[in-house]
Amino acid sequence: MEPLSDDLTENFDRFVVEAIATGCVWGLEGAEGWALCPSEVWNTSDVMPLWSQQEFALAHCQDEWKDYKPQPISLEELLDDWLPGMHDDGLLIGVNWNDELEGEEIEPLDLLHEFEQELS
């Protein structure tokens, strides 16, 4: 498996393609729920990071997320339930963040649109 790159757009595109290929994405879940962090873009929003590969998510199970474990979310569930619900909750999605926690922050309905375009 090739690691994520410093090109954030490439990592985003890879997220969509790999999620469709595998049928799932990966988040980090702990005793208190899913891993969230403050947005770097919007000071009033939190971001839920998601990755296209379990290994990418596992790399972030350290420091404040050391007690979290990668958990799969089926693509169907992500598209049908999670993204609309996250939009309603005012959350953003962090897409395939690299080892420095750098990556795209996207509104859930915009991510849903990206998947719909790729799937059509």
C-alpha atoms as a PDB file:
ATOM      1  CA  MET A   1       0.000   0.000   0.000  1.00  0.00           C
ATOM      2  CA  GLU A   2       1.334   3.391  -0.966  1.00  0.00           C
ATOM      3  CA  PRO A   3       1.368   5.996   1.849  1.00  0.00           C
ATOM      4  CA  LEU A   4      -0.587   9.221   1.693  1.00  0.00           C
ATOM      5  CA  SER A   5       1.257  12.060  -0.001  1.00  0.00           C
ATOM      6  CA  ASP A   6       1.887  15.718   0.755  1.00  0.00           C
ATOM      7  CA  ASP A   7      -0.550  16.551  -2.055  1.00  0.00           C
ATOM      8  CA  LEU A   8      -3.833  17.059  -0.182  1.00  0.00           C
ATOM      9  CA  THR A   9      -5.922  17.045  -3.376  1.00  0.00           C
ATOM     10  CA  GLU A  10      -4.391  13.717  -4.389  1.00  0.00           C
ATOM     11  CA  ASN A  11      -5.211  12.289  -0.948  1.00  0.00           C
ATOM     12  CA  PHE A  12      -8.803  13.504  -1.300  1.00  0.00           C
ATOM     13  CA  ASP A  13      -9.202  11.924  -4.738  1.00  0.00           C
ATOM     14  CA  ARG A  14      -7.676   8.721  -3.415  1.00  0.00           C
ATOM     15  CA  PHE A  15     -10.202   8.688  -0.553  1.00  0.00           C
ATOM     16  CA  VAL A  16     -13.152   8.679  -2.945  1.00  0.00           C
ATOM     17  CA  VAL A  17     -11.699   6.086  -5.333  1.00  0.00           C
ATOM     18  CA  GLU A  18     -10.524   3.708  -2.601  1.00  0.00           C
ATOM     19  CA  ALA A  19     -13.745   4.012  -0.590  1.00  0.00           C
ATOM     20  CA  ILE A  20     -15.742   3.015  -3.661  1.00  0.00           C
ATOM     21  CA  ALA A  21     -13.342   0.140  -4.392  1.00  0.00           C
ATOM     22  CA  THR A  22     -13.429  -1.279  -0.843  1.00  0.00           C
ATOM     23  CA  GLY A  23     -16.997  -0.316   0.072  1.00  0.00           C
ATOM     24  CA  CYS A  24     -16.016   1.341   3.344  1.00  0.00           C
ATOM     25  CA  VAL A  25     -14.154   4.155   5.056  1.00  0.00           C
ATOM     26  CA  TRP A  26     -12.431   4.183   8.443  1.00  0.00           C
ATOM     27  CA  GLY A  27     -12.911   6.405  11.471  1.00  0.00           C
ATOM     28  CA  LEU A  28     -11.481   6.256  14.978  1.00  0.00           C
ATOM     29  CA  GLU A  29     -13.798   5.195  17.786  1.00  0.00           C
ATOM     30  CA  GLY A  30     -13.094   5.265  21.502  1.00  0.00           C
ATOM     31  CA  ALA A  31     -14.987   4.842  24.750  1.00  0.00           C
ATOM     32  CA  GLU A  32     -16.487   8.327  24.416  1.00  0.00           C
ATOM     33  CA  GLY A  33     -17.448   8.027  20.752  1.00  0.00           C
ATOM     34  CA  TRP A  34     -15.821   8.957  17.472  1.00  0.00           C
ATOM     35  CA  ALA A  35     -12.634  11.000  17.260  1.00  0.00           C
ATOM     36  CA  LEU A  36     -13.292  14.679  16.582  1.00  0.00           C
ATOM     37  CA  CYS A  37     -11.075  17.729  16.568  1.00  0.00           C
ATOM     38  CA  PRO A  38     -11.559  21.472  16.052  1.00  0.00           C
ATOM     39  CA  SER A  39     -11.621  22.700  12.480  1.00  0.00           C
ATOM     40  CA  GLU A  40      -8.598  24.579  11.173  1.00  0.00           C
ATOM     41  CA  VAL A  41     -10.927  26.477   8.802  1.00  0.00           C
ATOM     42  CA  TRP A  42     -14.118  27.169  10.787  1.00  0.00           C
ATOM     43  CA  ASN A  43     -13.674  28.037  14.449  1.00  0.00           C
ATOM     44  CA  THR A  44     -17.239  26.980  15.279  1.00  0.00           C
ATOM     45  CA  SER A  45     -17.094  23.482  13.772  1.00  0.00           C
ATOM     46  CA  ASP A  46     -15.601  20.157  14.694  1.00  0.00           C
ATOM     47  CA  VAL A  47     -14.112  17.757  12.177  1.00  0.00           C
ATOM     48  CA  MET A  48     -14.443  13.978  12.071  1.00  0.00           C
ATOM     49  CA  PRO A  49     -11.442  12.522  10.272  1.00  0.00           C
ATOM     50  CA  LEU A  50     -12.062   9.575   7.949  1.00  0.00           C
ATOM     51  CA  TRP A  51      -9.600   7.509   5.952  1.00  0.00           C
ATOM     52  CA  SER A  52      -9.834   5.213   2.964  1.00  0.00           C
ATOM     53  CA  GLN A  53      -7.589   2.526   4.500  1.00  0.00           C
ATOM     54  CA  GLN A  54      -7.492   0.994   7.964  1.00  0.00           C
ATOM     55  CA  GLU A  55      -3.717   1.482   8.132  1.00  0.00           C
ATOM     56  CA  PHE A  56      -4.067   5.238   7.572  1.00  0.00           C
ATOM     57  CA  ALA A  57      -6.506   5.484  10.485  1.00  0.00           C
ATOM     58  CA  LEU A  58      -4.356   3.239  12.695  1.00  0.00           C
ATOM     59  CA  ALA A  59      -1.385   5.575  12.245  1.00  0.00           C
ATOM     60  CA  HIS A  60      -3.307   8.220  14.230  1.00  0.00           C
ATOM     61  CA  CYS A  61      -4.020   6.023  17.276  1.00  0.00           C
ATOM     62  CA  GLN A  62      -1.489   7.876  19.399  1.00  0.00           C
ATOM     63  CA  ASP A  63      -1.298  10.872  21.730  1.00  0.00           C
ATOM     64  CA  GLU A  64      -4.836  12.119  22.404  1.00  0.00           C
ATOM     65  CA  TRP A  65      -6.285   9.291  20.267  1.00  0.00           C
ATOM     66  CA  LYS A  66      -4.136   6.492  21.734  1.00  0.00           C
ATOM     67  CA  ASP A  67      -7.214   4.754  23.175  1.00  0.00           C
ATOM     68  CA  TYR A  68      -9.125   4.878  19.886  1.00  0.00           C
ATOM     69  CA  LYS A  69      -9.380   2.028  17.376  1.00  0.00           C
ATOM     70  CA  PRO A  70     -10.050   2.127  13.629  1.00  0.00           C
ATOM     71  CA  GLN A  71     -13.641   1.190  12.859  1.00  0.00           C
ATOM     72  CA  PRO A  72     -15.102   0.617   9.399  1.00  0.00           C
ATOM     73  CA  ILE A  73     -18.153   2.489   8.164  1.00  0.00           C
ATOM     74  CA  SER A  74     -19.799   0.960   5.107  1.00  0.00           C
ATOM     75  CA  LEU A  75     -19.944   3.259   2.118  1.00  0.00           C
ATOM     76  CA  GLU A  76     -23.696   2.741   1.852  1.00  0.00           C
ATOM     77  CA  GLU A  77     -24.187   3.768   5.488  1.00  0.00           C
ATOM     78  CA  LEU A  78     -21.842   6.741   5.037  1.00  0.00           C
ATOM     79  CA  LEU A  79     -23.738   8.031   2.015  1.00  0.00           C
ATOM     80  CA  ASP A  80     -27.275   7.278   3.214  1.00  0.00           C
ATOM     81  CA  ASP A  81     -27.058   8.100   6.918  1.00  0.00           C
ATOM     82  CA  TRP A  82     -23.781   9.539   8.161  1.00  0.00           C
ATOM     83  CA  LEU A  83     -23.169  12.394   5.742  1.00  0.00           C
ATOM     84  CA  PRO A  84     -26.727  13.829   5.925  1.00  0.00           C
ATOM     85  CA  GLY A  85     -26.662  13.455   9.729  1.00  0.00           C
ATOM     86  CA  MET A  86     -23.253  15.092  10.024  1.00  0.00           C
ATOM     87  CA  HIS A  87     -24.483  17.975   7.901  1.00  0.00           C
ATOM     88  CA  ASP A  88     -27.445  18.383  10.274  1.00  0.00           C
ATOM     89  CA  ASP A  89     -25.038  18.305  13.248  1.00  0.00           C
ATOM     90  CA  GLY A  90     -22.754  20.957  11.710  1.00  0.00           C
ATOM     91  CA  LEU A  91     -19.728  18.663  11.503  1.00  0.00           C
ATOM     92  CA  LEU A  92     -17.070  18.653   8.808  1.00  0.00           C
ATOM     93  CA  ILE A  93     -15.220  15.648   7.386  1.00  0.00           C
ATOM     94  CA  GLY A  94     -11.430  15.442   7.452  1.00  0.00           C
ATOM     95  CA  VAL A  95     -10.508  13.402   4.391  1.00  0.00           C
ATOM     96  CA  ASN A  96      -7.450  11.101   4.363  1.00  0.00           C
ATOM     97  CA  TRP A  97      -5.401  13.283   6.689  1.00  0.00           C
ATOM     98  CA  ASN A  98      -1.705  12.527   6.462  1.00  0.00           C
ATOM     99  CA  ASP A  99       0.682  11.850   9.368  1.00  0.00           C
ATOM    100  CA  GLU A 100       0.800  15.570  10.221  1.00  0.00           C
ATOM    101  CA  LEU A 101      -3.024  15.695  10.392  1.00  0.00           C
ATOM    102  CA  GLU A 102      -3.056  17.765   7.217  1.00  0.00           C
ATOM    103  CA  GLY A 103      -5.791  17.321   4.686  1.00  0.00           C
ATOM    104  CA  GLU A 104      -9.023  18.544   3.247  1.00  0.00           C
ATOM    105  CA  GLU A 105     -11.913  19.593   5.484  1.00  0.00           C
ATOM    106  CA  ILE A 106     -15.159  19.257   3.583  1.00  0.00           C
ATOM    107  CA  GLU A 107     -18.836  19.810   4.275  1.00  0.00           C
ATOM    108  CA  PRO A 108     -20.610  16.422   4.401  1.00  0.00           C
ATOM    109  CA  LEU A 109     -23.062  17.198   1.581  1.00  0.00           C
ATOM    110  CA  ASP A 110     -20.166  18.304  -0.643  1.00  0.00           C
ATOM    111  CA  LEU A 111     -18.491  14.953   0.006  1.00  0.00           C
ATOM    112  CA  LEU A 112     -21.769  13.190  -0.767  1.00  0.00           C
ATOM    113  CA  HIS A 113     -21.873  15.078  -4.083  1.00  0.00           C
ATOM    114  CA  GLU A 114     -18.298  13.976  -4.875  1.00  0.00           C
ATOM    115  CA  PHE A 115     -19.262  10.335  -4.328  1.00  0.00           C
ATOM    116  CA  GLU A 116     -22.441  10.689  -6.392  1.00  0.00           C
ATOM    117  CA  GLN A 117     -20.428  12.158  -9.286  1.00  0.00           C
ATOM    118  CA  GLU A 118     -17.848   9.360  -9.123  1.00  0.00           C
ATOM    119  CA  LEU A 119     -20.532   6.665  -8.903  1.00  0.00           C
ATOM    120  CA  SER A 120     -22.592   7.968 -11.851  1.00  0.00           C
END
